[in-house]
PDB file of all heavy atoms in Angstrom:
ATOM      1  N   ARG A   1       3.290 -11.201   8.354  1.00  0.00           N
ATOM      2  CA  ARG A   1       2.089 -10.385   8.231  1.00  0.00           C
ATOM      3  C   ARG A   1       2.496  -8.923   8.149  1.00  0.00           C
ATOM      4  O   ARG A   1       3.038  -8.373   9.115  1.00  0.00           O
ATOM      5  CB  ARG A   1       1.149 -10.599   9.421  1.00  0.00           C
ATOM      6  CG  ARG A   1      -0.155  -9.820   9.344  1.00  0.00           C
ATOM      7  CD  ARG A   1      -1.059 -10.198  10.524  1.00  0.00           C
ATOM      8  NE  ARG A   1      -2.273  -9.414  10.640  1.00  0.00           N
ATOM      9  CZ  ARG A   1      -3.407  -9.661   9.996  1.00  0.00           C
ATOM     10  NH1 ARG A   1      -3.482 -10.694   9.160  1.00  0.00           N
ATOM     11  NH2 ARG A   1      -4.466  -8.885  10.178  1.00  0.00           N
ATOM     12  N   LEU A   2       2.263  -8.299   7.015  1.00  0.00           N
ATOM     13  CA  LEU A   2       2.587  -6.904   6.812  1.00  0.00           C
ATOM     14  C   LEU A   2       1.400  -6.025   7.147  1.00  0.00           C
ATOM     15  O   LEU A   2       0.251  -6.417   6.937  1.00  0.00           O
ATOM     16  CB  LEU A   2       3.009  -6.652   5.360  1.00  0.00           C
ATOM     17  CG  LEU A   2       4.102  -7.539   4.780  1.00  0.00           C
ATOM     18  CD1 LEU A   2       4.459  -7.073   3.381  1.00  0.00           C
ATOM     19  CD2 LEU A   2       5.335  -7.548   5.684  1.00  0.00           C
ATOM     20  N   SER A   3       1.687  -4.841   7.663  1.00  0.00           N
ATOM     21  CA  SER A   3       0.649  -3.866   7.965  1.00  0.00           C
ATOM     22  C   SER A   3       0.970  -2.551   7.285  1.00  0.00           C
ATOM     23  O   SER A   3       2.131  -2.218   7.052  1.00  0.00           O
ATOM     24  CB  SER A   3       0.537  -3.641   9.480  1.00  0.00           C
ATOM     25  OG  SER A   3       0.169  -4.819  10.151  1.00  0.00           O
ATOM     26  N   CYS A   4      -0.058  -1.794   6.968  1.00  0.00           N
ATOM     27  CA  CYS A   4       0.083  -0.471   6.382  1.00  0.00           C
ATOM     28  C   CYS A   4      -0.893   0.457   7.057  1.00  0.00           C
ATOM     29  O   CYS A   4      -2.113   0.273   6.944  1.00  0.00           O
ATOM     30  CB  CYS A   4      -0.180  -0.524   4.880  1.00  0.00           C
ATOM     31  SG  CYS A   4      -0.322   1.104   4.095  1.00  0.00           S
ATOM     32  N   ALA A   5      -0.363   1.438   7.759  1.00  0.00           N
ATOM     33  CA  ALA A   5      -1.179   2.453   8.398  1.00  0.00           C
ATOM     34  C   ALA A   5      -1.340   3.633   7.457  1.00  0.00           C
ATOM     35  O   ALA A   5      -0.361   4.250   7.047  1.00  0.00           O
ATOM     36  CB  ALA A   5      -0.546   2.897   9.713  1.00  0.00           C
ATOM     37  N   ALA A   6      -2.587   3.951   7.113  1.00  0.00           N
ATOM     38  CA  ALA A   6      -2.886   5.041   6.199  1.00  0.00           C
ATOM     39  C   ALA A   6      -3.438   6.231   6.948  1.00  0.00           C
ATOM     40  O   ALA A   6      -4.193   6.077   7.914  1.00  0.00           O
ATOM     41  CB  ALA A   6      -3.887   4.588   5.143  1.00  0.00           C
ATOM     42  N   SER A   7      -3.068   7.421   6.497  1.00  0.00           N
ATOM     43  CA  SER A   7      -3.607   8.646   7.073  1.00  0.00           C
ATOM     44  C   SER A   7      -3.736   9.692   5.986  1.00  0.00           C
ATOM     45  O   SER A   7      -3.109   9.595   4.928  1.00  0.00           O
ATOM     46  CB  SER A   7      -2.721   9.155   8.220  1.00  0.00           C
ATOM     47  OG  SER A   7      -1.414   9.447   7.765  1.00  0.00           O
ATOM     48  N   GLY A   8      -4.551  10.693   6.223  1.00  0.00           N
ATOM     49  CA  GLY A   8      -4.738  11.768   5.278  1.00  0.00           C
ATOM     50  C   GLY A   8      -5.746  11.471   4.185  1.00  0.00           C
ATOM     51  O   GLY A   8      -5.914  12.285   3.263  1.00  0.00           O
ATOM     52  N   ILE A   9      -6.416  10.340   4.262  1.00  0.00           N
ATOM     53  CA  ILE A   9      -7.461   9.977   3.309  1.00  0.00           C
ATOM     54  C   ILE A   9      -8.632   9.366   4.061  1.00  0.00           C
ATOM     55  O   ILE A   9      -8.484   8.934   5.210  1.00  0.00           O
ATOM     56  CB  ILE A   9      -6.969   8.972   2.238  1.00  0.00           C
ATOM     57  CG1 ILE A   9      -6.501   7.670   2.899  1.00  0.00           C
ATOM     58  CG2 ILE A   9      -5.884   9.585   1.368  1.00  0.00           C
ATOM     59  CD1 ILE A   9      -6.205   6.554   1.911  1.00  0.00           C
ATOM     60  N   ILE A  10      -9.771   9.359   3.398  1.00  0.00           N
ATOM     61  CA  ILE A  10     -10.900   8.602   3.935  1.00  0.00           C
ATOM     62  C   ILE A  10     -10.669   7.169   3.486  1.00  0.00           C
ATOM     63  O   ILE A  10     -11.090   6.739   2.406  1.00  0.00           O
ATOM     64  CB  ILE A  10     -12.232   9.150   3.425  1.00  0.00           C
ATOM     65  CG1 ILE A  10     -12.366  10.629   3.755  1.00  0.00           C
ATOM     66  CG2 ILE A  10     -13.400   8.375   4.028  1.00  0.00           C
ATOM     67  CD1 ILE A  10     -13.578  11.302   3.166  1.00  0.00           C
ATOM     68  N   PHE A  11      -9.987   6.418   4.327  1.00  0.00           N
ATOM     69  CA  PHE A  11      -9.465   5.110   3.962  1.00  0.00           C
ATOM     70  C   PHE A  11     -10.538   4.173   3.426  1.00  0.00           C
ATOM     71  O   PHE A  11     -10.318   3.455   2.441  1.00  0.00           O
ATOM     72  CB  PHE A  11      -8.769   4.499   5.186  1.00  0.00           C
ATOM     73  CG  PHE A  11      -8.168   3.143   4.940  1.00  0.00           C
ATOM     74  CD1 PHE A  11      -7.022   3.000   4.184  1.00  0.00           C
ATOM     75  CD2 PHE A  11      -8.756   2.008   5.480  1.00  0.00           C
ATOM     76  CE1 PHE A  11      -6.466   1.756   3.955  1.00  0.00           C
ATOM     77  CE2 PHE A  11      -8.199   0.750   5.273  1.00  0.00           C
ATOM     78  CZ  PHE A  11      -7.054   0.630   4.507  1.00  0.00           C
ATOM     79  N   SER A  12     -11.690   4.176   4.056  1.00  0.00           N
ATOM     80  CA  SER A  12     -12.749   3.250   3.663  1.00  0.00           C
ATOM     81  C   SER A  12     -13.292   3.510   2.260  1.00  0.00           C
ATOM     82  O   SER A  12     -13.968   2.649   1.697  1.00  0.00           O
ATOM     83  CB  SER A  12     -13.908   3.322   4.666  1.00  0.00           C
ATOM     84  OG  SER A  12     -14.450   4.617   4.718  1.00  0.00           O
ATOM     85  N   SER A  13     -12.968   4.665   1.689  1.00  0.00           N
ATOM     86  CA  SER A  13     -13.455   5.032   0.359  1.00  0.00           C
ATOM     87  C   SER A  13     -12.474   4.678  -0.756  1.00  0.00           C
ATOM     88  O   SER A  13     -12.765   4.944  -1.922  1.00  0.00           O
ATOM     89  CB  SER A  13     -13.767   6.527   0.299  1.00  0.00           C
ATOM     90  OG  SER A  13     -14.802   6.871   1.204  1.00  0.00           O
ATOM     91  N   TYR A  14     -11.339   4.087  -0.414  1.00  0.00           N
ATOM     92  CA  TYR A  14     -10.294   3.821  -1.390  1.00  0.00           C
ATOM     93  C   TYR A  14     -10.067   2.332  -1.600  1.00  0.00           C
ATOM     94  O   TYR A  14      -9.924   1.566  -0.637  1.00  0.00           O
ATOM     95  CB  TYR A  14      -8.972   4.452  -0.953  1.00  0.00           C
ATOM     96  CG  TYR A  14      -8.903   5.941  -1.160  1.00  0.00           C
ATOM     97  CD1 TYR A  14      -9.575   6.808  -0.309  1.00  0.00           C
ATOM     98  CD2 TYR A  14      -8.156   6.470  -2.202  1.00  0.00           C
ATOM     99  CE1 TYR A  14      -9.513   8.178  -0.509  1.00  0.00           C
ATOM    100  CE2 TYR A  14      -8.097   7.832  -2.403  1.00  0.00           C
ATOM    101  CZ  TYR A  14      -8.775   8.686  -1.553  1.00  0.00           C
ATOM    102  OH  TYR A  14      -8.703  10.044  -1.739  1.00  0.00           O
ATOM    103  N   ASN A  15     -10.017   1.911  -2.856  1.00  0.00           N
ATOM    104  CA  ASN A  15      -9.423   0.619  -3.165  1.00  0.00           C
ATOM    105  C   ASN A  15      -7.940   0.699  -2.796  1.00  0.00           C
ATOM    106  O   ASN A  15      -7.316   1.753  -2.938  1.00  0.00           O
ATOM    107  CB  ASN A  15      -9.555   0.285  -4.649  1.00  0.00           C
ATOM    108  CG  ASN A  15     -10.993   0.164  -5.096  1.00  0.00           C
ATOM    109  OD1 ASN A  15     -11.887  -0.079  -4.288  1.00  0.00           O
ATOM    110  ND2 ASN A  15     -11.218   0.322  -6.386  1.00  0.00           N
ATOM    111  N   MET A  16      -7.386  -0.401  -2.335  1.00  0.00           N
ATOM    112  CA  MET A  16      -5.988  -0.414  -1.909  1.00  0.00           C
ATOM    113  C   MET A  16      -5.248  -1.598  -2.511  1.00  0.00           C
ATOM    114  O   MET A  16      -5.860  -2.591  -2.898  1.00  0.00           O
ATOM    115  CB  MET A  16      -5.892  -0.460  -0.386  1.00  0.00           C
ATOM    116  CG  MET A  16      -6.407   0.779   0.333  1.00  0.00           C
ATOM    117  SD  MET A  16      -5.447   2.278  -0.052  1.00  0.00           S
ATOM    118  CE  MET A  16      -3.822   1.802   0.578  1.00  0.00           C
ATOM    119  N   GLY A  17      -3.933  -1.474  -2.549  1.00  0.00           N
ATOM    120  CA  GLY A  17      -3.126  -2.546  -3.078  1.00  0.00           C
ATOM    121  C   GLY A  17      -1.779  -2.660  -2.388  1.00  0.00           C
ATOM    122  O   GLY A  17      -1.288  -1.708  -1.797  1.00  0.00           O
ATOM    123  N   TRP A  18      -1.217  -3.861  -2.470  1.00  0.00           N
ATOM    124  CA  TRP A  18       0.161  -4.100  -2.065  1.00  0.00           C
ATOM    125  C   TRP A  18       1.005  -4.271  -3.324  1.00  0.00           C
ATOM    126  O   TRP A  18       0.608  -4.965  -4.266  1.00  0.00           O
ATOM    127  CB  TRP A  18       0.284  -5.361  -1.199  1.00  0.00           C
ATOM    128  CG  TRP A  18      -0.138  -5.153   0.220  1.00  0.00           C
ATOM    129  CD1 TRP A  18      -1.328  -5.484   0.782  1.00  0.00           C
ATOM    130  CD2 TRP A  18       0.646  -4.586   1.278  1.00  0.00           C
ATOM    131  NE1 TRP A  18      -1.355  -5.155   2.119  1.00  0.00           N
ATOM    132  CE2 TRP A  18      -0.144  -4.599   2.449  1.00  0.00           C
ATOM    133  CE3 TRP A  18       1.940  -4.068   1.351  1.00  0.00           C
ATOM    134  CZ2 TRP A  18       0.319  -4.119   3.679  1.00  0.00           C
ATOM    135  CZ3 TRP A  18       2.394  -3.577   2.563  1.00  0.00           C
ATOM    136  CH2 TRP A  18       1.588  -3.605   3.713  1.00  0.00           C
ATOM    137  N   TYR A  19       2.163  -3.634  -3.315  1.00  0.00           N
ATOM    138  CA  TYR A  19       3.113  -3.687  -4.417  1.00  0.00           C
ATOM    139  C   TYR A  19       4.461  -4.098  -3.849  1.00  0.00           C
ATOM    140  O   TYR A  19       4.720  -3.948  -2.661  1.00  0.00           O
ATOM    141  CB  TYR A  19       3.235  -2.308  -5.094  1.00  0.00           C
ATOM    142  CG  TYR A  19       1.926  -1.768  -5.631  1.00  0.00           C
ATOM    143  CD1 TYR A  19       0.971  -1.228  -4.765  1.00  0.00           C
ATOM    144  CD2 TYR A  19       1.646  -1.804  -6.995  1.00  0.00           C
ATOM    145  CE1 TYR A  19      -0.224  -0.731  -5.241  1.00  0.00           C
ATOM    146  CE2 TYR A  19       0.448  -1.310  -7.482  1.00  0.00           C
ATOM    147  CZ  TYR A  19      -0.485  -0.777  -6.602  1.00  0.00           C
ATOM    148  OH  TYR A  19      -1.668  -0.275  -7.099  1.00  0.00           O
ATOM    149  N   ARG A  20       5.321  -4.601  -4.713  1.00  0.00           N
ATOM    150  CA  ARG A  20       6.664  -4.939  -4.255  1.00  0.00           C
ATOM    151  C   ARG A  20       7.678  -4.625  -5.343  1.00  0.00           C
ATOM    152  O   ARG A  20       7.354  -4.602  -6.540  1.00  0.00           O
ATOM    153  CB  ARG A  20       6.763  -6.399  -3.834  1.00  0.00           C
ATOM    154  CG  ARG A  20       6.633  -7.415  -4.983  1.00  0.00           C
ATOM    155  CD  ARG A  20       6.602  -8.822  -4.423  1.00  0.00           C
ATOM    156  NE  ARG A  20       6.498  -9.827  -5.478  1.00  0.00           N
ATOM    157  CZ  ARG A  20       6.284 -11.106  -5.278  1.00  0.00           C
ATOM    158  NH1 ARG A  20       6.142 -11.573  -4.039  1.00  0.00           N
ATOM    159  NH2 ARG A  20       6.201 -11.952  -6.302  1.00  0.00           N
ATOM    160  N   GLN A  21       8.897  -4.380  -4.904  1.00  0.00           N
ATOM    161  CA  GLN A  21       9.979  -4.097  -5.826  1.00  0.00           C
ATOM    162  C   GLN A  21      11.250  -4.799  -5.340  1.00  0.00           C
ATOM    163  O   GLN A  21      11.731  -4.540  -4.240  1.00  0.00           O
ATOM    164  CB  GLN A  21      10.224  -2.596  -5.944  1.00  0.00           C
ATOM    165  CG  GLN A  21      11.241  -2.223  -6.999  1.00  0.00           C
ATOM    166  CD  GLN A  21      11.247  -0.736  -7.281  1.00  0.00           C
ATOM    167  OE1 GLN A  21      10.905   0.076  -6.428  1.00  0.00           O
ATOM    168  NE2 GLN A  21      11.645  -0.380  -8.494  1.00  0.00           N
ATOM    169  N   ALA A  22      11.755  -5.680  -6.171  1.00  0.00           N
ATOM    170  CA  ALA A  22      13.000  -6.359  -5.904  1.00  0.00           C
ATOM    171  C   ALA A  22      14.139  -5.553  -6.530  1.00  0.00           C
ATOM    172  O   ALA A  22      13.929  -4.790  -7.469  1.00  0.00           O
ATOM    173  CB  ALA A  22      12.977  -7.771  -6.478  1.00  0.00           C
ATOM    174  N   PRO A  23      15.368  -5.713  -6.023  1.00  0.00           N
ATOM    175  CA  PRO A  23      16.498  -4.966  -6.574  1.00  0.00           C
ATOM    176  C   PRO A  23      16.633  -5.167  -8.085  1.00  0.00           C
ATOM    177  O   PRO A  23      16.605  -6.291  -8.581  1.00  0.00           O
ATOM    178  CB  PRO A  23      17.694  -5.555  -5.830  1.00  0.00           C
ATOM    179  CG  PRO A  23      17.122  -6.034  -4.539  1.00  0.00           C
ATOM    180  CD  PRO A  23      15.770  -6.551  -4.889  1.00  0.00           C
ATOM    181  N   GLY A  24      16.766  -4.050  -8.808  1.00  0.00           N
ATOM    182  CA  GLY A  24      16.942  -4.113 -10.244  1.00  0.00           C
ATOM    183  C   GLY A  24      15.690  -4.398 -11.043  1.00  0.00           C
ATOM    184  O   GLY A  24      15.762  -4.554 -12.263  1.00  0.00           O
ATOM    185  N   LYS A  25      14.548  -4.466 -10.384  1.00  0.00           N
ATOM    186  CA  LYS A  25      13.306  -4.774 -11.070  1.00  0.00           C
ATOM    187  C   LYS A  25      12.294  -3.652 -10.902  1.00  0.00           C
ATOM    188  O   LYS A  25      12.415  -2.812 -10.019  1.00  0.00           O
ATOM    189  CB  LYS A  25      12.710  -6.083 -10.541  1.00  0.00           C
ATOM    190  CG  LYS A  25      13.552  -7.321 -10.822  1.00  0.00           C
ATOM    191  CD  LYS A  25      12.834  -8.575 -10.372  1.00  0.00           C
ATOM    192  CE  LYS A  25      13.638  -9.825 -10.689  1.00  0.00           C
ATOM    193  NZ  LYS A  25      12.924 -11.057 -10.254  1.00  0.00           N
ATOM    194  N   GLN A  26      11.296  -3.648 -11.762  1.00  0.00           N
ATOM    195  CA  GLN A  26      10.203  -2.697 -11.668  1.00  0.00           C
ATOM    196  C   GLN A  26       9.274  -3.074 -10.508  1.00  0.00           C
ATOM    197  O   GLN A  26       9.166  -4.245 -10.137  1.00  0.00           O
ATOM    198  CB  GLN A  26       9.400  -2.657 -12.967  1.00  0.00           C
ATOM    199  CG  GLN A  26      10.178  -2.141 -14.172  1.00  0.00           C
ATOM    200  CD  GLN A  26      10.476  -0.680 -14.052  1.00  0.00           C
ATOM    201  OE1 GLN A  26       9.607   0.127 -13.721  1.00  0.00           O
ATOM    202  NE2 GLN A  26      11.722  -0.304 -14.320  1.00  0.00           N
TER     203      GLN A  26
END
């Protein structure tokens, strides 16, 4: 279970996403 703590924005007003990057890949 991954978590992401956001600050500096009105979090509830933003669509959010999870991204990933493997070695050598975009």
